[in-house]
């Protein structure tokens, strides 16, 4: 988190801003918004999200999950 933003606003300011921006773009359908978290669950922010656990070896199953996330939105 940006230090100045954190000092000037409440602790949830950036989280709430991200949720609002994503919701606005999803409602307007002007862009597709996907979340790909590396070691993080981004589902509170993105309706279409995938969390990757890189403590496990990257294998074809993991790459298939990423491809499915991207391909599902293009249909």
PDB file of N, CA and C in Angstrom:
ATOM      1  N   UNK A   1       0.843  -1.169   0.000  1.00  0.00           N
ATOM      2  CA  UNK A   1       0.000   0.000   0.000  1.00  0.00           C
ATOM      3  C   UNK A   1       0.891   1.235   0.000  1.00  0.00           C
ATOM      4  N   UNK A   2       0.463   2.220  -0.719  1.00  0.00           N
ATOM      5  CA  UNK A   2       1.161   3.494  -0.758  1.00  0.00           C
ATOM      6  C   UNK A   2       1.113   4.123   0.637  1.00  0.00           C
ATOM      7  N   UNK A   3       2.253   4.487   1.191  1.00  0.00           N
ATOM      8  CA  UNK A   3       2.323   5.020   2.550  1.00  0.00           C
ATOM      9  C   UNK A   3       1.508   6.292   2.710  1.00  0.00           C
ATOM     10  N   UNK A   4       1.645   7.213   1.785  1.00  0.00           N
ATOM     11  CA  UNK A   4       0.907   8.475   1.890  1.00  0.00           C
ATOM     12  C   UNK A   4      -0.600   8.239   1.843  1.00  0.00           C
ATOM     13  N   UNK A   5      -1.049   7.342   0.992  1.00  0.00           N
ATOM     14  CA  UNK A   5      -2.480   7.035   0.906  1.00  0.00           C
ATOM     15  C   UNK A   5      -2.957   6.429   2.216  1.00  0.00           C
ATOM     16  N   UNK A   6      -2.169   5.527   2.773  1.00  0.00           N
ATOM     17  CA  UNK A   6      -2.519   4.897   4.039  1.00  0.00           C
ATOM     18  C   UNK A   6      -2.581   5.878   5.188  1.00  0.00           C
ATOM     19  N   UNK A   7      -1.704   6.846   5.188  1.00  0.00           N
ATOM     20  CA  UNK A   7      -1.692   7.839   6.261  1.00  0.00           C
ATOM     21  C   UNK A   7      -2.832   8.845   6.122  1.00  0.00           C
ATOM     22  N   UNK A   8      -3.246   9.138   4.910  1.00  0.00           N
ATOM     23  CA  UNK A   8      -4.263  10.169   4.679  1.00  0.00           C
ATOM     24  C   UNK A   8      -5.686   9.615   4.718  1.00  0.00           C
ATOM     25  N   UNK A   9      -5.846   8.296   4.681  1.00  0.00           N
ATOM     26  CA  UNK A   9      -7.175   7.693   4.599  1.00  0.00           C
ATOM     27  C   UNK A   9      -7.296   6.548   5.586  1.00  0.00           C
ATOM     28  N   UNK A  10      -8.524   6.019   5.701  1.00  0.00           N
ATOM     29  CA  UNK A  10      -8.722   4.886   6.599  1.00  0.00           C
ATOM     30  C   UNK A  10      -8.083   3.624   6.022  1.00  0.00           C
ATOM     31  N   UNK A  11      -7.992   2.603   6.823  1.00  0.00           N
ATOM     32  CA  UNK A  11      -7.291   1.370   6.442  1.00  0.00           C
ATOM     33  C   UNK A  11      -7.924   0.648   5.261  1.00  0.00           C
ATOM     34  N   UNK A  12      -9.206   0.844   5.026  1.00  0.00           N
ATOM     35  CA  UNK A  12      -9.906   0.138   3.948  1.00  0.00           C
ATOM     36  C   UNK A  12     -10.081   0.990   2.698  1.00  0.00           C
ATOM     37  N   UNK A  13      -9.479   2.149   2.657  1.00  0.00           N
ATOM     38  CA  UNK A  13      -9.680   3.078   1.542  1.00  0.00           C
ATOM     39  C   UNK A  13      -9.344   2.449   0.189  1.00  0.00           C
ATOM     40  N   UNK A  14      -8.157   1.889   0.060  1.00  0.00           N
ATOM     41  CA  UNK A  14      -7.750   1.315  -1.225  1.00  0.00           C
ATOM     42  C   UNK A  14      -8.567   0.076  -1.573  1.00  0.00           C
ATOM     43  N   UNK A  15      -8.889  -0.751  -0.588  1.00  0.00           N
ATOM     44  CA  UNK A  15      -9.739  -1.918  -0.840  1.00  0.00           C
ATOM     45  C   UNK A  15     -11.097  -1.483  -1.371  1.00  0.00           C
ATOM     46  N   UNK A  16     -11.698  -0.503  -0.715  1.00  0.00           N
ATOM     47  CA  UNK A  16     -13.016  -0.028  -1.131  1.00  0.00           C
ATOM     48  C   UNK A  16     -12.966   0.625  -2.506  1.00  0.00           C
ATOM     49  N   UNK A  17     -11.902   1.338  -2.779  1.00  0.00           N
ATOM     50  CA  UNK A  17     -11.761   1.984  -4.089  1.00  0.00           C
ATOM     51  C   UNK A  17     -11.649   0.924  -5.189  1.00  0.00           C
ATOM     52  N   UNK A  18     -10.837  -0.096  -4.968  1.00  0.00           N
ATOM     53  CA  UNK A  18     -10.685  -1.163  -5.957  1.00  0.00           C
ATOM     54  C   UNK A  18     -12.021  -1.856  -6.203  1.00  0.00           C
ATOM     55  N   UNK A  19     -12.753  -2.178  -5.130  1.00  0.00           N
ATOM     56  CA  UNK A  19     -14.060  -2.819  -5.296  1.00  0.00           C
ATOM     57  C   UNK A  19     -15.012  -1.941  -6.102  1.00  0.00           C
ATOM     58  N   UNK A  20     -15.000  -0.645  -5.842  1.00  0.00           N
ATOM     59  CA  UNK A  20     -15.893   0.278  -6.557  1.00  0.00           C
ATOM     60  C   UNK A  20     -15.530   0.379  -8.033  1.00  0.00           C
ATOM     61  N   UNK A  21     -14.245   0.464  -8.327  1.00  0.00           N
ATOM     62  CA  UNK A  21     -13.807   0.569  -9.727  1.00  0.00           C
ATOM     63  C   UNK A  21     -14.141  -0.703 -10.492  1.00  0.00           C
ATOM     64  N   UNK A  22     -13.872  -1.853  -9.910  1.00  0.00           N
ATOM     65  CA  UNK A  22     -14.180  -3.124 -10.569  1.00  0.00           C
ATOM     66  C   UNK A  22     -15.685  -3.249 -10.785  1.00  0.00           C
ATOM     67  N   UNK A  23     -16.479  -2.930  -9.770  1.00  0.00           N
ATOM     68  CA  UNK A  23     -17.939  -3.022  -9.900  1.00  0.00           C
ATOM     69  C   UNK A  23     -18.453  -2.099 -11.000  1.00  0.00           C
ATOM     70  N   UNK A  24     -17.904  -0.891 -11.078  1.00  0.00           N
ATOM     71  CA  UNK A  24     -18.346   0.055 -12.107  1.00  0.00           C
ATOM     72  C   UNK A  24     -18.049  -0.482 -13.504  1.00  0.00           C
ATOM     73  N   UNK A  25     -16.846  -1.000 -13.709  1.00  0.00           N
ATOM     74  CA  UNK A  25     -16.491  -1.511 -15.037  1.00  0.00           C
ATOM     75  C   UNK A  25     -17.275  -2.772 -15.389  1.00  0.00           C
ATOM     76  N   UNK A  26     -17.526  -3.625 -14.398  1.00  0.00           N
ATOM     77  CA  UNK A  26     -18.340  -4.811 -14.671  1.00  0.00           C
ATOM     78  C   UNK A  26     -19.766  -4.417 -15.023  1.00  0.00           C
ATOM     79  N   UNK A  27     -20.311  -3.397 -14.356  1.00  0.00           N
ATOM     80  CA  UNK A  27     -21.675  -2.947 -14.647  1.00  0.00           C
ATOM     81  C   UNK A  27     -21.755  -2.300 -16.026  1.00  0.00           C
ATOM     82  N   UNK A  28     -20.738  -1.543 -16.398  1.00  0.00           N
ATOM     83  CA  UNK A  28     -20.729  -0.873 -17.694  1.00  0.00           C
ATOM     84  C   UNK A  28     -20.360  -1.821 -18.831  1.00  0.00           C
ATOM     85  N   UNK A  29     -19.750  -2.937 -18.473  1.00  0.00           N
ATOM     86  CA  UNK A  29     -19.309  -3.941 -19.449  1.00  0.00           C
ATOM     87  C   UNK A  29     -18.384  -3.352 -20.514  1.00  0.00           C
ATOM     88  N   UNK A  30     -17.601  -2.345 -20.109  1.00  0.00           N
ATOM     89  CA  UNK A  30     -16.684  -1.727 -21.072  1.00  0.00           C
ATOM     90  C   UNK A  30     -15.348  -2.457 -21.155  1.00  0.00           C
ATOM     91  N   UNK A  31     -15.002  -3.183 -20.115  1.00  0.00           N
ATOM     92  CA  UNK A  31     -13.807  -4.022 -20.114  1.00  0.00           C
ATOM     93  C   UNK A  31     -14.106  -5.276 -19.297  1.00  0.00           C
ATOM     94  N   UNK A  32     -13.357  -6.320 -19.553  1.00  0.00           N
ATOM     95  CA  UNK A  32     -13.458  -7.519 -18.725  1.00  0.00           C
ATOM     96  C   UNK A  32     -12.400  -7.419 -17.644  1.00  0.00           C
ATOM     97  N   UNK A  33     -12.807  -7.677 -16.423  1.00  0.00           N
ATOM     98  CA  UNK A  33     -11.905  -7.552 -15.289  1.00  0.00           C
ATOM     99  C   UNK A  33     -11.743  -8.927 -14.657  1.00  0.00           C
ATOM    100  N   UNK A  34     -10.510  -9.391 -14.593  1.00  0.00           N
ATOM    101  CA  UNK A  34     -10.180 -10.684 -14.000  1.00  0.00           C
ATOM    102  C   UNK A  34      -9.123 -10.476 -12.928  1.00  0.00           C
ATOM    103  N   UNK A  35      -9.158 -11.293 -11.901  1.00  0.00           N
ATOM    104  CA  UNK A  35      -8.142 -11.228 -10.857  1.00  0.00           C
ATOM    105  C   UNK A  35      -7.320 -12.496 -10.852  1.00  0.00           C
ATOM    106  N   UNK A  36      -6.022 -12.343 -10.885  1.00  0.00           N
ATOM    107  CA  UNK A  36      -5.119 -13.487 -10.804  1.00  0.00           C
ATOM    108  C   UNK A  36      -4.180 -13.230  -9.641  1.00  0.00           C
ATOM    109  N   UNK A  37      -4.441 -13.880  -8.525  1.00  0.00           N
ATOM    110  CA  UNK A  37      -3.660 -13.657  -7.309  1.00  0.00           C
ATOM    111  C   UNK A  37      -2.562 -14.681  -7.173  1.00  0.00           C
ATOM    112  N   UNK A  38      -1.391 -14.208  -6.862  1.00  0.00           N
ATOM    113  CA  UNK A  38      -0.264 -15.100  -6.595  1.00  0.00           C
ATOM    114  C   UNK A  38      -0.117 -15.167  -5.084  1.00  0.00           C
ATOM    115  N   UNK A  39      -0.627 -16.263  -4.520  1.00  0.00           N
ATOM    116  CA  UNK A  39      -0.619 -16.410  -3.076  1.00  0.00           C
ATOM    117  C   UNK A  39      -1.699 -15.594  -2.388  1.00  0.00           C
ATOM    118  N   UNK A  40      -2.617 -15.023  -3.153  1.00  0.00           N
ATOM    119  CA  UNK A  40      -3.691 -14.197  -2.593  1.00  0.00           C
ATOM    120  C   UNK A  40      -5.035 -14.598  -3.190  1.00  0.00           C
ATOM    121  N   UNK A  41      -6.047 -14.585  -2.362  1.00  0.00           N
ATOM    122  CA  UNK A  41      -7.409 -14.794  -2.843  1.00  0.00           C
ATOM    123  C   UNK A  41      -7.986 -13.423  -3.163  1.00  0.00           C
ATOM    124  N   UNK A  42      -8.192 -13.151  -4.429  1.00  0.00           N
ATOM    125  CA  UNK A  42      -8.704 -11.858  -4.863  1.00  0.00           C
ATOM    126  C   UNK A  42     -10.208 -11.860  -5.081  1.00  0.00           C
ATOM    127  N   UNK A  43     -10.878 -12.941  -4.709  1.00  0.00           N
ATOM    128  CA  UNK A  43     -12.315 -13.028  -4.944  1.00  0.00           C
ATOM    129  C   UNK A  43     -13.134 -11.942  -4.237  1.00  0.00           C
ATOM    130  N   UNK A  44     -12.672 -11.347  -3.138  1.00  0.00           N
ATOM    131  CA  UNK A  44     -13.441 -10.229  -2.584  1.00  0.00           C
ATOM    132  C   UNK A  44     -13.466  -9.002  -3.508  1.00  0.00           C
ATOM    133  N   UNK A  45     -12.525  -8.935  -4.433  1.00  0.00           N
ATOM    134  CA  UNK A  45     -12.417  -7.768  -5.305  1.00  0.00           C
ATOM    135  C   UNK A  45     -12.909  -8.041  -6.727  1.00  0.00           C
ATOM    136  N   UNK A  46     -12.697  -9.253  -7.195  1.00  0.00           N
ATOM    137  CA  UNK A  46     -13.001  -9.604  -8.586  1.00  0.00           C
ATOM    138  C   UNK A  46     -13.988 -10.755  -8.616  1.00  0.00           C
ATOM    139  N   UNK A  47     -15.052 -10.590  -9.389  1.00  0.00           N
ATOM    140  CA  UNK A  47     -16.047 -11.655  -9.510  1.00  0.00           C
ATOM    141  C   UNK A  47     -15.419 -12.886 -10.163  1.00  0.00           C
ATOM    142  N   UNK A  48     -14.518 -12.678 -11.111  1.00  0.00           N
ATOM    143  CA  UNK A  48     -13.834 -13.767 -11.801  1.00  0.00           C
ATOM    144  C   UNK A  48     -12.373 -13.731 -11.376  1.00  0.00           C
ATOM    145  N   UNK A  49     -12.007 -14.630 -10.467  1.00  0.00           N
ATOM    146  CA  UNK A  49     -10.659 -14.598  -9.907  1.00  0.00           C
ATOM    147  C   UNK A  49     -10.115 -16.011  -9.728  1.00  0.00           C
ATOM    148  N   UNK A  50      -8.815 -16.078  -9.717  1.00  0.00           N
ATOM    149  CA  UNK A  50      -8.111 -17.333  -9.500  1.00  0.00           C
ATOM    150  C   UNK A  50      -6.920 -17.045  -8.605  1.00  0.00           C
ATOM    151  N   UNK A  51      -6.742 -17.865  -7.583  1.00  0.00           N
ATOM    152  CA  UNK A  51      -5.594 -17.735  -6.687  1.00  0.00           C
ATOM    153  C   UNK A  51      -4.602 -18.852  -6.989  1.00  0.00           C
ATOM    154  N   UNK A  52      -3.382 -18.470  -7.243  1.00  0.00           N
ATOM    155  CA  UNK A  52      -2.324 -19.454  -7.514  1.00  0.00           C
ATOM    156  C   UNK A  52      -1.474 -19.650  -6.275  1.00  0.00           C
ATOM    157  N   UNK A  53      -1.137 -20.887  -6.006  1.00  0.00           N
ATOM    158  CA  UNK A  53      -0.257 -21.223  -4.890  1.00  0.00           C
ATOM    159  C   UNK A  53       1.093 -21.606  -5.472  1.00  0.00           C
ATOM    160  N   UNK A  54       2.012 -20.663  -5.458  1.00  0.00           N
ATOM    161  CA  UNK A  54       3.322 -20.939  -6.063  1.00  0.00           C
ATOM    162  C   UNK A  54       4.277 -21.661  -5.123  1.00  0.00           C
ATOM    163  N   UNK A  55       3.780 -22.068  -3.945  1.00  0.00           N
ATOM    164  CA  UNK A  55       4.606 -22.928  -3.106  1.00  0.00           C
ATOM    165  C   UNK A  55       4.626 -24.345  -3.682  1.00  0.00           C
ATOM    166  N   UNK A  56       3.668 -24.608  -4.581  1.00  0.00           N
ATOM    167  CA  UNK A  56       3.615 -25.872  -5.311  1.00  0.00           C
ATOM    168  C   UNK A  56       4.283 -25.672  -6.668  1.00  0.00           C
ATOM    169  N   UNK A  57       4.831 -26.714  -7.239  1.00  0.00           N
ATOM    170  CA  UNK A  57       5.440 -26.576  -8.561  1.00  0.00           C
ATOM    171  C   UNK A  57       4.400 -26.169  -9.615  1.00  0.00           C
ATOM    172  N   UNK A  58       4.822 -25.327 -10.531  1.00  0.00           N
ATOM    173  CA  UNK A  58       3.950 -24.939 -11.635  1.00  0.00           C
ATOM    174  C   UNK A  58       3.854 -26.138 -12.574  1.00  0.00           C
ATOM    175  N   UNK A  59       2.628 -26.579 -12.786  1.00  0.00           N
ATOM    176  CA  UNK A  59       2.427 -27.738 -13.655  1.00  0.00           C
ATOM    177  C   UNK A  59       1.335 -27.426 -14.672  1.00  0.00           C
ATOM    178  N   UNK A  60       1.038 -28.371 -15.499  1.00  0.00           N
ATOM    179  CA  UNK A  60       0.044 -28.159 -16.551  1.00  0.00           C
ATOM    180  C   UNK A  60      -1.348 -27.894 -15.970  1.00  0.00           C
ATOM    181  N   UNK A  61      -1.653 -28.510 -14.845  1.00  0.00           N
ATOM    182  CA  UNK A  61      -2.964 -28.291 -14.235  1.00  0.00           C
ATOM    183  C   UNK A  61      -3.124 -26.827 -13.836  1.00  0.00           C
ATOM    184  N   UNK A  62      -2.068 -26.234 -13.288  1.00  0.00           N
ATOM    185  CA  UNK A  62      -2.122 -24.827 -12.904  1.00  0.00           C
ATOM    186  C   UNK A  62      -2.255 -23.940 -14.144  1.00  0.00           C
ATOM    187  N   UNK A  63      -1.506 -24.254 -15.167  1.00  0.00           N
ATOM    188  CA  UNK A  63      -1.587 -23.478 -16.399  1.00  0.00           C
ATOM    189  C   UNK A  63      -2.953 -23.638 -17.055  1.00  0.00           C
ATOM    190  N   UNK A  64      -3.533 -24.820 -16.951  1.00  0.00           N
ATOM    191  CA  UNK A  64      -4.888 -25.044 -17.476  1.00  0.00           C
ATOM    192  C   UNK A  64      -5.905 -24.177 -16.746  1.00  0.00           C
ATOM    193  N   UNK A  65      -5.746 -24.024 -15.425  1.00  0.00           N
ATOM    194  CA  UNK A  65      -6.660 -23.173 -14.657  1.00  0.00           C
ATOM    195  C   UNK A  65      -6.591 -21.722 -15.126  1.00  0.00           C
ATOM    196  N   UNK A  66      -5.379 -21.245 -15.366  1.00  0.00           N
ATOM    197  CA  UNK A  66      -5.202 -19.873 -15.853  1.00  0.00           C
ATOM    198  C   UNK A  66      -5.832 -19.735 -17.240  1.00  0.00           C
ATOM    199  N   UNK A  67      -5.579 -20.696 -18.102  1.00  0.00           N
ATOM    200  CA  UNK A  67      -6.142 -20.655 -19.449  1.00  0.00           C
ATOM    201  C   UNK A  67      -7.672 -20.692 -19.407  1.00  0.00           C
ATOM    202  N   UNK A  68      -8.236 -21.496 -18.515  1.00  0.00           N
ATOM    203  CA  UNK A  68      -9.690 -21.562 -18.390  1.00  0.00           C
ATOM    204  C   UNK A  68     -10.275 -20.243 -17.920  1.00  0.00           C
ATOM    205  N   UNK A  69      -9.610 -19.583 -16.985  1.00  0.00           N
ATOM    206  CA  UNK A  69     -10.075 -18.277 -16.519  1.00  0.00           C
ATOM    207  C   UNK A  69     -10.113 -17.284 -17.674  1.00  0.00           C
ATOM    208  N   UNK A  70      -9.058 -17.271 -18.453  1.00  0.00           N
ATOM    209  CA  UNK A  70      -8.998 -16.339 -19.573  1.00  0.00           C
ATOM    210  C   UNK A  70      -9.965 -16.719 -20.697  1.00  0.00           C
ATOM    211  N   UNK A  71     -10.058 -17.990 -21.007  1.00  0.00           N
ATOM    212  CA  UNK A  71     -10.901 -18.434 -22.114  1.00  0.00           C
ATOM    213  C   UNK A  71     -12.384 -18.328 -21.780  1.00  0.00           C
ATOM    214  N   UNK A  72     -12.758 -18.575 -20.558  1.00  0.00           N
ATOM    215  CA  UNK A  72     -14.163 -18.535 -20.176  1.00  0.00           C
ATOM    216  C   UNK A  72     -14.752 -17.159 -20.371  1.00  0.00           C
ATOM    217  N   UNK A  73     -13.977 -16.150 -20.219  1.00  0.00           N
ATOM    218  CA  UNK A  73     -14.469 -14.790 -20.350  1.00  0.00           C
ATOM    219  C   UNK A  73     -14.615 -14.378 -21.821  1.00  0.00           C
ATOM    220  N   UNK A  74     -13.994 -15.088 -22.729  1.00  0.00           N
ATOM    221  CA  UNK A  74     -14.045 -14.712 -24.144  1.00  0.00           C
ATOM    222  C   UNK A  74     -15.226 -15.341 -24.868  1.00  0.00           C
ATOM    223  N   UNK A  75     -15.914 -16.269 -24.223  1.00  0.00           N
ATOM    224  CA  UNK A  75     -17.034 -16.962 -24.880  1.00  0.00           C
ATOM    225  C   UNK A  75     -18.254 -16.095 -24.940  1.00  0.00           C
TER     226      UNK A  75
END
